[in-house]
Amino acid sequence: MPCHWKTWRNCWPPYRRKPIKGKFTITFKIQIMRTINPWINFNGNAEEAFTFYKSVFGGEFAKIIRFKDLASAEFQVPEKEANKIMTIALPLGKHNVLMANDVPEFMGRVNESENRSKIVVSAESREEADQIFNGLSAGGDVEGPIGDSPWGTYAGMFRDKYGIEWIVEFDPQL
């Protein structure tokens, strides 16, 4: 049954009724997740890609761990894999971190043309959306140019030069 003021008991998420001068409002209980941080697998070019992302977003890497940093008698690392990235992290905004690694050759190559997922960047202004869109899409393939969307936001979609799919969006209602 749809959520309607006459049948408020059927509304989801959980509600609470609060009378206001003969009327009532429904206050929705919102469950907030701590964070979701995207993790990208690369074929040996994670550091190059993240240096590029850092040039667009700014900031500093919070973490860079190479396979050689973990090498031990129990975890032997081939010479050609030693300088590859085990973990790299670039903070974005207040609560998000873009993370990645290089996939070791013995695990096989990552198909860079497959539709893995899209990373959504929520900009705080049209200007910031344009800056991020133009920076990240340089050398890539634009799937949807940035502009006014039918759903009321300012958005664009592309695959960057490393094969990662992005959506950059500014929502004036948020």
Protein backbone atom coordinates (compact mmCIF):
# COMPACT_ATOMS: atom_id res chain seq x y z
CA MET A 1 0.00 0.00 0.00
CA PRO A 2 1.42 3.45 -0.87
CA CYS A 3 2.42 5.96 1.78
CA HIS A 4 -0.42 8.47 2.15
CA TRP A 5 -1.40 10.82 4.94
CA LYS A 6 -4.60 8.83 5.59
CA THR A 7 -2.69 5.55 5.83
CA TRP A 8 0.46 6.76 7.54
CA ARG A 9 0.84 3.43 9.35
CA ASN A 10 1.97 1.95 6.03
CA CYS A 11 4.81 4.41 5.54
CA TRP A 12 8.40 3.28 5.67
CA PRO A 13 10.92 4.07 7.16
CA PRO A 14 9.63 3.94 10.73
CA TYR A 15 7.73 7.06 11.71
CA ARG A 16 6.57 8.96 14.73
CA ARG A 17 3.48 11.11 14.87
CA LYS A 18 3.88 14.60 16.24
CA PRO A 19 0.74 16.76 16.64
CA ILE A 20 0.95 20.44 15.68
CA LYS A 21 -2.20 22.56 16.34
CA GLY A 22 -4.72 20.00 15.17
CA LYS A 23 -2.46 18.63 12.44
CA PHE A 24 0.31 16.13 12.52
CA THR A 25 3.58 15.67 10.72
CA ILE A 26 5.45 12.50 10.10
CA THR A 27 9.09 12.60 11.08
CA PHE A 28 11.10 9.94 9.33
CA LYS A 29 13.81 8.09 11.16
CA ILE A 30 16.92 8.15 8.99
CA GLN A 31 19.60 5.54 9.41
CA ILE A 32 22.97 7.04 8.54
CA MET A 33 25.77 4.80 7.43
CA ARG A 34 29.23 5.77 8.60
CA THR A 35 30.86 5.88 5.15
CA ILE A 36 31.19 3.99 1.90
CA ASN A 37 34.61 4.25 0.31
CA PRO A 38 35.18 3.06 -3.26
CA TRP A 39 38.11 0.70 -3.90
CA ILE A 40 39.52 0.37 -7.42
CA ASN A 41 41.74 -2.42 -8.79
CA PHE A 42 44.44 -1.40 -11.30
CA ASN A 43 46.83 -3.29 -13.58
CA GLY A 44 50.05 -1.76 -12.26
CA ASN A 45 49.15 1.91 -12.75
CA ALA A 46 47.39 2.73 -9.44
CA GLU A 47 50.04 5.25 -8.42
CA GLU A 48 49.86 7.03 -11.79
CA ALA A 49 46.04 7.15 -11.66
CA PHE A 50 46.00 8.39 -8.06
CA THR A 51 48.58 11.08 -8.80
CA PHE A 52 46.19 12.23 -11.52
CA TYR A 53 43.17 12.08 -9.15
CA LYS A 54 45.15 14.03 -6.53
CA SER A 55 45.85 16.75 -9.14
CA VAL A 56 42.09 17.14 -9.64
CA PHE A 57 40.80 16.76 -6.04
CA GLY A 58 43.82 18.14 -4.18
CA GLY A 59 44.83 16.90 -0.76
CA GLU A 60 47.51 14.43 0.26
CA PHE A 61 47.64 10.65 0.25
CA ALA A 62 46.63 9.26 3.64
CA LYS A 63 48.32 5.95 2.95
CA ILE A 64 50.68 4.37 0.43
CA ILE A 65 51.77 0.78 1.04
CA ARG A 66 53.81 -1.09 -1.54
CA PHE A 67 54.00 -4.87 -1.79
CA LYS A 68 57.70 -4.71 -0.78
CA ASP A 69 56.62 -3.06 2.53
CA LEU A 70 54.86 -6.32 3.44
CA ALA A 71 57.53 -8.71 2.21
CA SER A 72 58.66 -11.35 4.69
CA ALA A 73 59.64 -15.00 4.78
CA GLU A 74 55.93 -15.87 4.93
CA PHE A 75 54.90 -13.34 2.25
CA GLN A 76 57.46 -13.37 -0.52
CA VAL A 77 57.07 -10.70 -3.18
CA PRO A 78 58.53 -11.15 -6.69
CA GLU A 79 60.96 -8.39 -7.72
CA LYS A 80 58.67 -7.17 -10.55
CA GLU A 81 55.77 -6.75 -8.06
CA ALA A 82 57.78 -5.09 -5.26
CA ASN A 83 57.05 -1.44 -6.13
CA LYS A 84 53.42 -1.99 -7.04
CA ILE A 85 50.75 -0.52 -4.79
CA MET A 86 49.19 -2.78 -2.14
CA THR A 87 47.03 0.08 -0.80
CA ILE A 88 46.74 3.76 -1.66
CA ALA A 89 44.22 6.14 -0.09
CA LEU A 90 43.22 9.67 -1.06
CA PRO A 91 40.79 11.46 1.30
CA LEU A 92 37.95 13.24 -0.53
CA GLY A 93 35.98 15.73 1.52
CA LYS A 94 35.33 15.23 5.21
CA HIS A 95 34.33 11.58 5.40
CA ASN A 96 35.23 9.76 2.18
CA VAL A 97 38.37 8.07 0.95
CA LEU A 98 39.12 6.87 -2.57
CA MET A 99 41.22 3.70 -2.29
CA ALA A 100 42.99 1.36 -4.70
CA ASN A 101 45.64 -1.26 -5.31
CA ASP A 102 47.56 -2.87 -8.15
CA VAL A 103 46.44 -6.43 -8.83
CA PRO A 104 49.50 -8.73 -8.77
CA GLU A 105 50.13 -10.45 -12.11
CA PHE A 106 49.63 -13.94 -10.66
CA MET A 107 45.98 -12.98 -9.94
CA GLY A 108 45.30 -12.02 -13.58
CA ARG A 109 44.50 -8.72 -15.25
CA VAL A 110 41.56 -6.48 -14.44
CA ASN A 111 39.31 -5.94 -17.47
CA GLU A 112 39.47 -2.15 -17.73
CA SER A 113 36.60 -1.98 -20.25
CA GLU A 114 34.00 -3.80 -18.18
CA ASN A 115 31.25 -1.94 -16.37
CA ARG A 116 32.56 -2.35 -12.81
CA SER A 117 30.54 0.46 -11.23
CA LYS A 118 30.45 4.25 -11.18
CA ILE A 119 31.88 6.57 -8.56
CA VAL A 120 29.55 9.48 -7.79
CA VAL A 121 31.05 12.80 -6.73
CA SER A 122 28.58 15.19 -5.10
CA ALA A 123 29.88 18.71 -5.73
CA GLU A 124 28.97 21.73 -3.60
CA SER A 125 28.48 24.10 -6.59
CA ARG A 126 28.17 24.13 -10.38
CA GLU A 127 31.66 25.60 -10.56
CA GLU A 128 33.12 22.77 -8.48
CA ALA A 129 31.20 20.21 -10.58
CA ASP A 130 32.64 21.72 -13.78
CA GLN A 131 36.17 21.73 -12.35
CA ILE A 132 36.01 18.09 -11.23
CA PHE A 133 34.23 16.93 -14.41
CA ASN A 134 36.70 18.69 -16.73
CA GLY A 135 39.72 17.54 -14.72
CA LEU A 136 38.80 13.88 -14.37
CA SER A 137 37.36 13.45 -17.89
CA ALA A 138 40.51 14.81 -19.57
CA GLY A 139 41.81 12.06 -21.85
CA GLY A 140 38.76 9.89 -21.17
CA ASP A 141 35.42 9.25 -22.86
CA VAL A 142 32.47 11.48 -21.97
CA GLU A 143 29.25 9.44 -21.88
CA GLY A 144 26.98 12.33 -20.84
CA PRO A 145 28.25 15.92 -20.99
CA ILE A 146 27.83 17.95 -17.83
CA GLY A 147 24.68 20.04 -17.79
CA ASP A 148 21.17 20.33 -16.40
CA SER A 149 19.59 16.90 -15.93
CA PRO A 150 15.90 15.98 -16.31
CA TRP A 151 15.76 15.21 -12.55
CA GLY A 152 16.79 18.73 -11.52
CA THR A 153 20.50 18.36 -10.86
CA TYR A 154 23.58 19.49 -12.75
CA ALA A 155 25.41 16.31 -13.76
CA GLY A 156 27.72 14.58 -16.21
CA MET A 157 29.04 11.06 -16.73
CA PHE A 158 32.31 9.74 -18.18
CA ARG A 159 34.97 7.03 -18.16
CA ASP A 160 38.38 8.46 -17.23
CA LYS A 161 41.62 7.65 -19.04
CA TYR A 162 42.15 4.72 -16.64
CA GLY A 163 38.78 3.12 -17.46
CA ILE A 164 37.06 4.17 -14.21
CA GLU A 165 33.47 5.37 -14.59
CA TRP A 166 32.41 8.56 -12.81
CA ILE A 167 29.29 10.69 -12.32
CA VAL A 168 29.80 14.27 -11.15
CA GLU A 169 26.66 15.93 -9.85
CA PHE A 170 25.57 19.12 -8.11
CA ASP A 171 22.14 19.08 -6.51
CA PRO A 172 20.97 22.58 -5.55
CA GLN A 173 18.30 21.04 -3.27
CA LEU A 174 20.87 19.46 -0.93
